[in-house]
């Protein structure tokens, strides 16, 4: 019976801004050499200068990064799995709002105007607003990142 494979995450230091190109070069090297002990290559958004490699051991990581341009080495230690999950999990974007809240539009053609939330579609990231500073009833649909909550109801 074969022992279960150990999977650890190793941080590979790279030149800032070259994370994606290094990840592509690592992938090509893994494919051409038939290395089966690398399970994933992660380019974390918001973490400049690092590529995370999931592998069975540090010797495998050192082998695949040897001679690759823009690679500065392997950071000492392991990256905890919890940190990886935080990096790659989907975060809620935009303010937490609900129908009836008072908001201010912070960008776009209605910038600076006060409005009331009529409906909020979290899946599409859009909000339907009733512009209060208009002379007639005006409802507009804008992205949720263009508003700022003013007063909760």
N, C-alpha and C. Protein backbone atom coordinates (compact mmCIF):
# COMPACT_ATOMS: atom_id res chain seq x y z
N UNK A 1 0.84 -1.19 0.00
CA UNK A 1 0.00 0.00 0.00
C UNK A 1 0.88 1.25 0.00
N UNK A 2 0.52 2.21 -0.82
CA UNK A 2 1.31 3.43 -0.98
C UNK A 2 0.95 4.44 0.11
N UNK A 3 1.98 5.08 0.65
CA UNK A 3 1.74 6.09 1.70
C UNK A 3 1.06 7.31 1.07
N UNK A 4 0.18 8.01 1.84
CA UNK A 4 -0.49 9.19 1.30
C UNK A 4 0.52 10.30 0.99
N UNK A 5 0.25 11.02 -0.07
CA UNK A 5 1.15 12.10 -0.49
C UNK A 5 1.02 13.28 0.46
N UNK A 6 2.16 13.84 0.83
CA UNK A 6 2.18 15.04 1.69
C UNK A 6 2.09 16.25 0.78
N UNK A 7 1.20 17.17 1.13
CA UNK A 7 1.03 18.38 0.33
C UNK A 7 1.33 19.59 1.20
N UNK A 8 2.35 20.33 0.83
CA UNK A 8 2.72 21.54 1.55
C UNK A 8 2.77 22.70 0.58
N UNK A 9 2.60 23.91 1.13
CA UNK A 9 2.65 25.12 0.32
C UNK A 9 3.96 25.84 0.58
N UNK A 10 4.68 26.16 -0.49
CA UNK A 10 5.97 26.85 -0.40
C UNK A 10 5.87 28.19 -1.13
N UNK A 11 6.42 29.22 -0.50
CA UNK A 11 6.42 30.56 -1.10
C UNK A 11 7.70 30.73 -1.90
N UNK A 12 7.57 30.99 -3.19
CA UNK A 12 8.71 31.24 -4.07
C UNK A 12 8.81 32.74 -4.27
N UNK A 13 9.97 33.31 -3.91
CA UNK A 13 10.17 34.75 -4.08
C UNK A 13 10.51 35.04 -5.54
N UNK A 14 9.81 36.03 -6.11
CA UNK A 14 10.03 36.41 -7.50
C UNK A 14 10.13 37.93 -7.59
N UNK A 15 10.60 38.40 -8.73
CA UNK A 15 10.65 39.84 -8.98
C UNK A 15 9.23 40.39 -9.02
N UNK A 16 9.00 41.51 -8.36
CA UNK A 16 7.66 42.12 -8.33
C UNK A 16 7.15 42.41 -9.73
N UNK A 17 5.92 42.03 -9.99
CA UNK A 17 5.31 42.24 -11.30
C UNK A 17 5.52 41.09 -12.26
N UNK A 18 6.33 40.12 -11.90
CA UNK A 18 6.63 38.98 -12.79
C UNK A 18 5.98 37.68 -12.31
N UNK A 19 5.01 37.79 -11.40
CA UNK A 19 4.42 36.60 -10.80
C UNK A 19 3.76 35.68 -11.83
N UNK A 20 2.98 36.25 -12.73
CA UNK A 20 2.25 35.43 -13.71
C UNK A 20 3.21 34.79 -14.70
N UNK A 21 4.19 35.54 -15.17
CA UNK A 21 5.13 34.96 -16.14
C UNK A 21 5.96 33.85 -15.49
N UNK A 22 6.34 34.01 -14.23
CA UNK A 22 7.07 32.94 -13.53
C UNK A 22 6.18 31.72 -13.37
N UNK A 23 4.91 31.92 -13.02
CA UNK A 23 3.98 30.80 -12.86
C UNK A 23 3.83 30.02 -14.17
N UNK A 24 3.77 30.74 -15.28
CA UNK A 24 3.66 30.09 -16.60
C UNK A 24 4.93 29.30 -16.91
N UNK A 25 6.10 29.88 -16.61
CA UNK A 25 7.35 29.17 -16.85
C UNK A 25 7.46 27.92 -15.98
N UNK A 26 7.01 28.02 -14.71
CA UNK A 26 7.02 26.84 -13.83
C UNK A 26 6.10 25.76 -14.38
N UNK A 27 4.93 26.16 -14.86
CA UNK A 27 3.99 25.19 -15.42
C UNK A 27 4.59 24.48 -16.62
N UNK A 28 5.24 25.23 -17.50
CA UNK A 28 5.87 24.62 -18.68
C UNK A 28 6.96 23.64 -18.28
N UNK A 29 7.77 24.00 -17.29
CA UNK A 29 8.84 23.10 -16.85
C UNK A 29 8.26 21.83 -16.25
N UNK A 30 7.20 21.95 -15.48
CA UNK A 30 6.56 20.78 -14.87
C UNK A 30 6.00 19.86 -15.95
N UNK A 31 5.36 20.45 -16.98
CA UNK A 31 4.79 19.64 -18.06
C UNK A 31 5.87 18.95 -18.88
N UNK A 32 6.93 19.68 -19.23
CA UNK A 32 7.96 19.09 -20.10
C UNK A 32 8.77 18.03 -19.38
N UNK A 33 8.98 18.17 -18.07
CA UNK A 33 9.77 17.19 -17.33
C UNK A 33 8.92 16.09 -16.71
N UNK A 34 7.61 16.21 -16.82
CA UNK A 34 6.72 15.18 -16.28
C UNK A 34 6.77 15.05 -14.78
N UNK A 35 6.87 16.18 -14.08
CA UNK A 35 6.95 16.17 -12.62
C UNK A 35 5.54 16.05 -12.06
N UNK A 36 5.29 14.98 -11.31
CA UNK A 36 3.96 14.75 -10.79
C UNK A 36 3.78 15.16 -9.34
N UNK A 37 4.83 15.67 -8.71
CA UNK A 37 4.75 16.01 -7.29
C UNK A 37 4.39 17.46 -7.04
N UNK A 38 4.00 18.20 -8.09
CA UNK A 38 3.52 19.58 -7.93
C UNK A 38 2.02 19.54 -8.21
N UNK A 39 1.25 20.01 -7.22
CA UNK A 39 -0.20 19.90 -7.31
C UNK A 39 -0.87 21.19 -7.75
N UNK A 40 -0.28 22.33 -7.42
CA UNK A 40 -0.86 23.61 -7.85
C UNK A 40 0.18 24.71 -7.80
N UNK A 41 -0.06 25.74 -8.61
CA UNK A 41 0.74 26.96 -8.61
C UNK A 41 -0.26 28.10 -8.42
N UNK A 42 -0.06 28.89 -7.38
CA UNK A 42 -1.01 29.95 -7.05
C UNK A 42 -0.31 31.30 -7.14
N UNK A 43 -0.94 32.22 -7.89
CA UNK A 43 -0.48 33.62 -7.92
C UNK A 43 -1.51 34.40 -7.12
N UNK A 44 -1.24 34.64 -5.83
CA UNK A 44 -2.25 35.29 -4.98
C UNK A 44 -2.47 36.74 -5.37
N UNK A 45 -3.72 37.15 -5.53
CA UNK A 45 -3.98 38.56 -5.83
C UNK A 45 -3.65 39.40 -4.61
N UNK A 46 -2.99 40.51 -4.82
CA UNK A 46 -2.66 41.40 -3.71
C UNK A 46 -1.39 41.05 -2.98
N UNK A 47 -0.70 39.99 -3.36
CA UNK A 47 0.57 39.61 -2.72
C UNK A 47 1.66 39.70 -3.78
N UNK A 48 2.34 40.84 -3.80
CA UNK A 48 3.33 41.10 -4.83
C UNK A 48 4.67 40.44 -4.47
N UNK A 49 5.29 39.83 -5.46
CA UNK A 49 6.62 39.27 -5.28
C UNK A 49 6.66 37.82 -4.84
N UNK A 50 5.52 37.13 -4.82
CA UNK A 50 5.50 35.73 -4.40
C UNK A 50 4.58 34.91 -5.29
N UNK A 51 4.99 33.65 -5.51
CA UNK A 51 4.17 32.64 -6.15
C UNK A 51 4.15 31.47 -5.19
N UNK A 52 2.97 30.92 -4.92
CA UNK A 52 2.84 29.80 -3.99
C UNK A 52 2.80 28.50 -4.80
N UNK A 53 3.64 27.53 -4.40
CA UNK A 53 3.69 26.24 -5.08
C UNK A 53 3.28 25.16 -4.08
N UNK A 54 2.28 24.36 -4.45
CA UNK A 54 1.86 23.23 -3.62
C UNK A 54 2.60 22.00 -4.12
N UNK A 55 3.39 21.41 -3.25
CA UNK A 55 4.25 20.31 -3.67
C UNK A 55 4.43 19.31 -2.53
N UNK A 56 5.05 18.17 -2.86
CA UNK A 56 5.28 17.14 -1.85
C UNK A 56 6.51 17.44 -0.99
N UNK A 57 7.40 18.32 -1.45
CA UNK A 57 8.58 18.63 -0.64
C UNK A 57 9.38 19.78 -1.21
N UNK A 58 10.26 20.35 -0.39
CA UNK A 58 11.05 21.50 -0.86
C UNK A 58 12.04 21.15 -1.97
N UNK A 59 12.47 19.90 -2.01
CA UNK A 59 13.41 19.49 -3.06
C UNK A 59 12.78 19.60 -4.45
N UNK A 60 11.47 19.31 -4.53
CA UNK A 60 10.77 19.41 -5.81
C UNK A 60 10.68 20.87 -6.24
N UNK A 61 10.35 21.74 -5.30
CA UNK A 61 10.23 23.17 -5.61
C UNK A 61 11.58 23.72 -6.06
N UNK A 62 12.64 23.37 -5.35
CA UNK A 62 13.98 23.85 -5.72
C UNK A 62 14.39 23.35 -7.11
N UNK A 63 13.97 22.13 -7.45
CA UNK A 63 14.28 21.58 -8.76
C UNK A 63 13.57 22.35 -9.86
N UNK A 64 12.28 22.65 -9.69
CA UNK A 64 11.55 23.31 -10.76
C UNK A 64 11.89 24.79 -10.91
N UNK A 65 12.39 25.45 -9.83
CA UNK A 65 12.72 26.88 -9.96
C UNK A 65 14.16 27.11 -10.40
N UNK A 66 14.97 26.06 -10.43
CA UNK A 66 16.39 26.23 -10.76
C UNK A 66 16.56 26.82 -12.16
N UNK A 67 17.21 27.96 -12.24
CA UNK A 67 17.53 28.58 -13.51
C UNK A 67 16.41 29.37 -14.15
N UNK A 68 15.28 29.52 -13.49
CA UNK A 68 14.18 30.28 -14.08
C UNK A 68 14.39 31.76 -13.79
N UNK A 69 14.22 32.54 -14.83
CA UNK A 69 14.43 33.98 -14.73
C UNK A 69 13.41 34.62 -13.79
N UNK A 70 13.79 35.63 -13.06
CA UNK A 70 12.99 36.40 -12.12
C UNK A 70 12.70 35.66 -10.82
N UNK A 71 13.20 34.45 -10.63
CA UNK A 71 13.00 33.73 -9.37
C UNK A 71 14.16 34.07 -8.45
N UNK A 72 13.82 34.45 -7.20
CA UNK A 72 14.83 34.85 -6.22
C UNK A 72 15.10 33.77 -5.18
N UNK A 73 14.31 32.71 -5.19
CA UNK A 73 14.52 31.62 -4.23
C UNK A 73 13.24 31.25 -3.53
N UNK A 74 13.39 30.31 -2.58
CA UNK A 74 12.24 29.84 -1.81
C UNK A 74 12.32 30.47 -0.43
N UNK A 75 11.20 31.03 0.03
CA UNK A 75 11.15 31.60 1.37
C UNK A 75 11.23 30.46 2.38
N UNK A 76 11.92 30.68 3.50
CA UNK A 76 12.03 29.60 4.49
C UNK A 76 10.67 29.29 5.14
N UNK A 77 10.46 28.03 5.45
CA UNK A 77 9.23 27.62 6.11
C UNK A 77 8.11 27.31 5.13
N UNK A 78 6.97 26.96 5.71
CA UNK A 78 5.79 26.62 4.92
C UNK A 78 4.75 27.72 5.04
N UNK A 79 3.89 27.81 4.05
CA UNK A 79 2.76 28.74 4.10
C UNK A 79 1.58 27.94 4.65
N UNK A 80 0.96 28.40 5.75
CA UNK A 80 -0.18 27.66 6.31
C UNK A 80 -1.36 27.59 5.34
N UNK A 81 -2.07 26.46 5.36
CA UNK A 81 -3.20 26.27 4.45
C UNK A 81 -4.29 27.30 4.70
N UNK A 82 -4.47 27.72 5.96
CA UNK A 82 -5.48 28.74 6.28
C UNK A 82 -5.20 30.05 5.55
N UNK A 83 -3.91 30.44 5.48
CA UNK A 83 -3.54 31.67 4.78
C UNK A 83 -3.84 31.55 3.29
N UNK A 84 -3.61 30.39 2.71
CA UNK A 84 -3.90 30.17 1.29
C UNK A 84 -5.40 30.32 1.05
N UNK A 85 -6.20 29.74 1.92
CA UNK A 85 -7.66 29.81 1.76
C UNK A 85 -8.15 31.26 1.85
N UNK A 86 -7.54 32.05 2.71
CA UNK A 86 -7.92 33.47 2.81
C UNK A 86 -7.56 34.21 1.53
N UNK A 87 -6.42 33.86 0.93
CA UNK A 87 -5.96 34.55 -0.28
C UNK A 87 -6.87 34.26 -1.48
N UNK A 88 -7.31 33.03 -1.60
CA UNK A 88 -8.03 32.64 -2.82
C UNK A 88 -9.54 32.61 -2.67
N UNK A 89 -10.05 32.75 -1.44
CA UNK A 89 -11.50 32.73 -1.28
C UNK A 89 -12.10 34.05 -1.74
N UNK A 90 -13.36 33.99 -2.17
CA UNK A 90 -14.04 35.17 -2.68
C UNK A 90 -14.44 36.06 -1.53
N UNK A 91 -14.09 37.31 -1.62
CA UNK A 91 -14.44 38.28 -0.59
C UNK A 91 -15.65 39.08 -1.04
N UNK A 92 -16.44 39.52 -0.06
CA UNK A 92 -17.59 40.36 -0.38
C UNK A 92 -17.07 41.73 -0.78
N UNK A 93 -17.50 42.19 -1.94
CA UNK A 93 -17.06 43.49 -2.42
C UNK A 93 -18.16 44.51 -2.23
N UNK A 94 -17.75 45.73 -2.02
CA UNK A 94 -18.71 46.81 -1.89
C UNK A 94 -19.27 46.89 -0.48
N UNK A 95 -20.01 47.96 -0.22
CA UNK A 95 -20.58 48.15 1.11
C UNK A 95 -21.75 47.21 1.36
N UNK A 96 -22.00 46.93 2.62
CA UNK A 96 -23.17 46.11 2.96
C UNK A 96 -24.38 47.02 3.06
N UNK A 97 -25.28 46.87 2.11
CA UNK A 97 -26.45 47.75 2.06
C UNK A 97 -27.70 46.91 1.92
N UNK A 98 -28.84 47.52 2.21
CA UNK A 98 -30.12 46.85 2.01
C UNK A 98 -31.14 47.87 1.52
N UNK A 99 -32.27 47.39 1.09
CA UNK A 99 -33.33 48.25 0.56
C UNK A 99 -33.76 49.27 1.61
N UNK A 100 -33.86 50.52 1.18
CA UNK A 100 -34.28 51.60 2.07
C UNK A 100 -33.15 52.43 2.63
N UNK A 101 -31.90 51.97 2.51
CA UNK A 101 -30.75 52.73 3.02
C UNK A 101 -30.55 54.01 2.22
N UNK A 102 -30.05 55.03 2.91
CA UNK A 102 -29.68 56.28 2.25
C UNK A 102 -28.21 56.17 1.87
N UNK A 103 -27.88 56.54 0.63
CA UNK A 103 -26.51 56.45 0.14
C UNK A 103 -26.13 57.72 -0.60
N UNK A 104 -24.82 57.86 -0.80
CA UNK A 104 -24.31 58.95 -1.62
C UNK A 104 -23.56 58.32 -2.78
N UNK A 105 -23.78 58.83 -3.98
CA UNK A 105 -23.09 58.34 -5.16
C UNK A 105 -21.70 58.98 -5.18
N UNK A 106 -20.64 58.15 -5.25
CA UNK A 106 -19.28 58.67 -5.15
C UNK A 106 -18.56 58.77 -6.49
N UNK A 107 -19.13 58.22 -7.57
CA UNK A 107 -18.51 58.36 -8.88
C UNK A 107 -19.57 58.22 -9.96
N UNK A 108 -19.22 58.60 -11.16
CA UNK A 108 -20.15 58.54 -12.27
C UNK A 108 -20.89 59.85 -12.45
N UNK A 109 -21.87 59.88 -13.34
CA UNK A 109 -22.57 61.14 -13.66
C UNK A 109 -23.43 61.67 -12.51
N UNK A 110 -23.76 60.82 -11.54
CA UNK A 110 -24.59 61.26 -10.41
C UNK A 110 -23.76 61.50 -9.15
N UNK A 111 -22.45 61.70 -9.31
CA UNK A 111 -21.54 61.88 -8.18
C UNK A 111 -21.99 63.02 -7.29
N UNK A 112 -21.98 62.77 -5.97
CA UNK A 112 -22.33 63.78 -5.00
C UNK A 112 -23.81 63.84 -4.66
N UNK A 113 -24.63 63.10 -5.37
CA UNK A 113 -26.08 63.15 -5.13
C UNK A 113 -26.48 62.13 -4.07
N UNK A 114 -27.51 62.49 -3.30
CA UNK A 114 -28.08 61.59 -2.30
C UNK A 114 -29.13 60.72 -2.98
N UNK A 115 -29.23 59.47 -2.53
CA UNK A 115 -30.20 58.55 -3.13
C UNK A 115 -30.67 57.55 -2.09
N UNK A 116 -31.78 56.90 -2.41
CA UNK A 116 -32.32 55.84 -1.56
C UNK A 116 -32.26 54.54 -2.34
N UNK A 117 -31.83 53.47 -1.67
CA UNK A 117 -31.71 52.17 -2.30
C UNK A 117 -33.10 51.57 -2.49
N UNK A 118 -33.44 51.24 -3.73
CA UNK A 118 -34.72 50.62 -4.04
C UNK A 118 -34.58 49.10 -4.08
N UNK A 119 -33.47 48.61 -4.66
CA UNK A 119 -33.19 47.17 -4.66
C UNK A 119 -31.68 46.97 -4.83
N UNK A 120 -31.22 45.78 -4.40
CA UNK A 120 -29.79 45.46 -4.45
C UNK A 120 -29.62 44.05 -4.98
N UNK A 121 -28.89 43.90 -6.08
CA UNK A 121 -28.61 42.59 -6.67
C UNK A 121 -27.16 42.25 -6.38
N UNK A 122 -26.92 41.42 -5.36
CA UNK A 122 -25.56 41.08 -4.95
C UNK A 122 -24.85 40.24 -5.99
N UNK A 123 -25.58 39.40 -6.72
CA UNK A 123 -24.95 38.54 -7.73
C UNK A 123 -24.34 39.35 -8.86
N UNK A 124 -25.06 40.37 -9.29
CA UNK A 124 -24.56 41.22 -10.39
C UNK A 124 -23.74 42.39 -9.88
N UNK A 125 -23.80 42.68 -8.57
CA UNK A 125 -23.06 43.81 -8.01
C UNK A 125 -23.67 45.14 -8.40
N UNK A 126 -24.99 45.17 -8.57
CA UNK A 126 -25.67 46.39 -8.98
C UNK A 126 -26.72 46.79 -7.96
N UNK A 127 -27.00 48.08 -7.93
CA UNK A 127 -27.99 48.61 -7.02
C UNK A 127 -28.90 49.57 -7.80
N UNK A 128 -30.21 49.51 -7.53
CA UNK A 128 -31.16 50.43 -8.15
C UNK A 128 -31.43 51.53 -7.13
N UNK A 129 -31.21 52.77 -7.54
CA UNK A 129 -31.34 53.91 -6.65
C UNK A 129 -32.45 54.83 -7.11
N UNK A 130 -33.07 55.51 -6.14
CA UNK A 130 -34.01 56.58 -6.41
C UNK A 130 -33.26 57.87 -6.05
N UNK A 131 -32.89 58.66 -7.07
CA UNK A 131 -32.14 59.89 -6.85
C UNK A 131 -33.07 60.91 -6.20
N UNK A 132 -32.71 61.38 -4.99
CA UNK A 132 -33.58 62.28 -4.22
C UNK A 132 -33.46 63.73 -4.66
N UNK A 133 -32.33 64.11 -5.25
CA UNK A 133 -32.11 65.50 -5.61
C UNK A 133 -32.63 65.83 -7.00
N UNK A 134 -33.40 64.94 -7.58
CA UNK A 134 -33.97 65.17 -8.91
C UNK A 134 -35.33 65.84 -8.79
N UNK A 135 -35.70 66.65 -9.80
CA UNK A 135 -36.98 67.35 -9.79
C UNK A 135 -38.14 66.39 -10.06
N UNK A 136 -37.86 65.25 -10.65
CA UNK A 136 -38.88 64.25 -10.94
C UNK A 136 -38.35 62.90 -10.47
N UNK A 137 -39.21 61.90 -10.27
CA UNK A 137 -38.74 60.58 -9.82
C UNK A 137 -37.76 59.98 -10.83
N UNK A 138 -36.54 59.71 -10.36
CA UNK A 138 -35.50 59.20 -11.25
C UNK A 138 -34.88 57.96 -10.60
N UNK A 139 -35.02 56.82 -11.26
CA UNK A 139 -34.41 55.59 -10.79
C UNK A 139 -33.29 55.21 -11.74
N UNK A 140 -32.11 54.89 -11.16
CA UNK A 140 -30.95 54.50 -11.96
C UNK A 140 -30.36 53.22 -11.39
N UNK A 141 -29.73 52.44 -12.25
CA UNK A 141 -29.02 51.23 -11.84
C UNK A 141 -27.53 51.48 -12.05
N UNK A 142 -26.78 51.36 -10.94
CA UNK A 142 -25.33 51.60 -11.02
C UNK A 142 -24.60 50.49 -10.25
N UNK A 143 -23.30 50.33 -10.52
CA UNK A 143 -22.52 49.34 -9.75
C UNK A 143 -22.44 49.73 -8.27
N UNK A 144 -22.43 48.71 -7.42
CA UNK A 144 -22.46 48.95 -5.97
C UNK A 144 -21.18 49.63 -5.47
N UNK A 145 -20.08 49.51 -6.21
CA UNK A 145 -18.84 50.16 -5.77
C UNK A 145 -18.84 51.66 -6.02
N UNK A 146 -19.90 52.19 -6.62
CA UNK A 146 -19.99 53.63 -6.86
C UNK A 146 -20.82 54.35 -5.80
N UNK A 147 -21.19 53.64 -4.73
CA UNK A 147 -22.00 54.30 -3.69
C UNK A 147 -21.33 54.15 -2.34
N UNK A 148 -21.75 55.05 -1.41
CA UNK A 148 -21.25 55.01 -0.04
C UNK A 148 -22.45 55.15 0.88
N UNK A 149 -22.60 54.27 1.87
CA UNK A 149 -23.74 54.39 2.78
C UNK A 149 -23.66 55.69 3.58
N UNK A 150 -24.81 56.34 3.75
CA UNK A 150 -24.88 57.57 4.54
C UNK A 150 -25.64 57.31 5.82
N UNK A 151 -26.82 56.71 5.69
CA UNK A 151 -27.68 56.48 6.85
C UNK A 151 -28.42 55.17 6.67
N UNK A 152 -28.40 54.32 7.72
CA UNK A 152 -29.12 53.05 7.69
C UNK A 152 -30.55 53.28 8.14
N UNK A 153 -31.46 52.45 7.61
CA UNK A 153 -32.86 52.58 8.03
C UNK A 153 -33.22 51.45 8.98
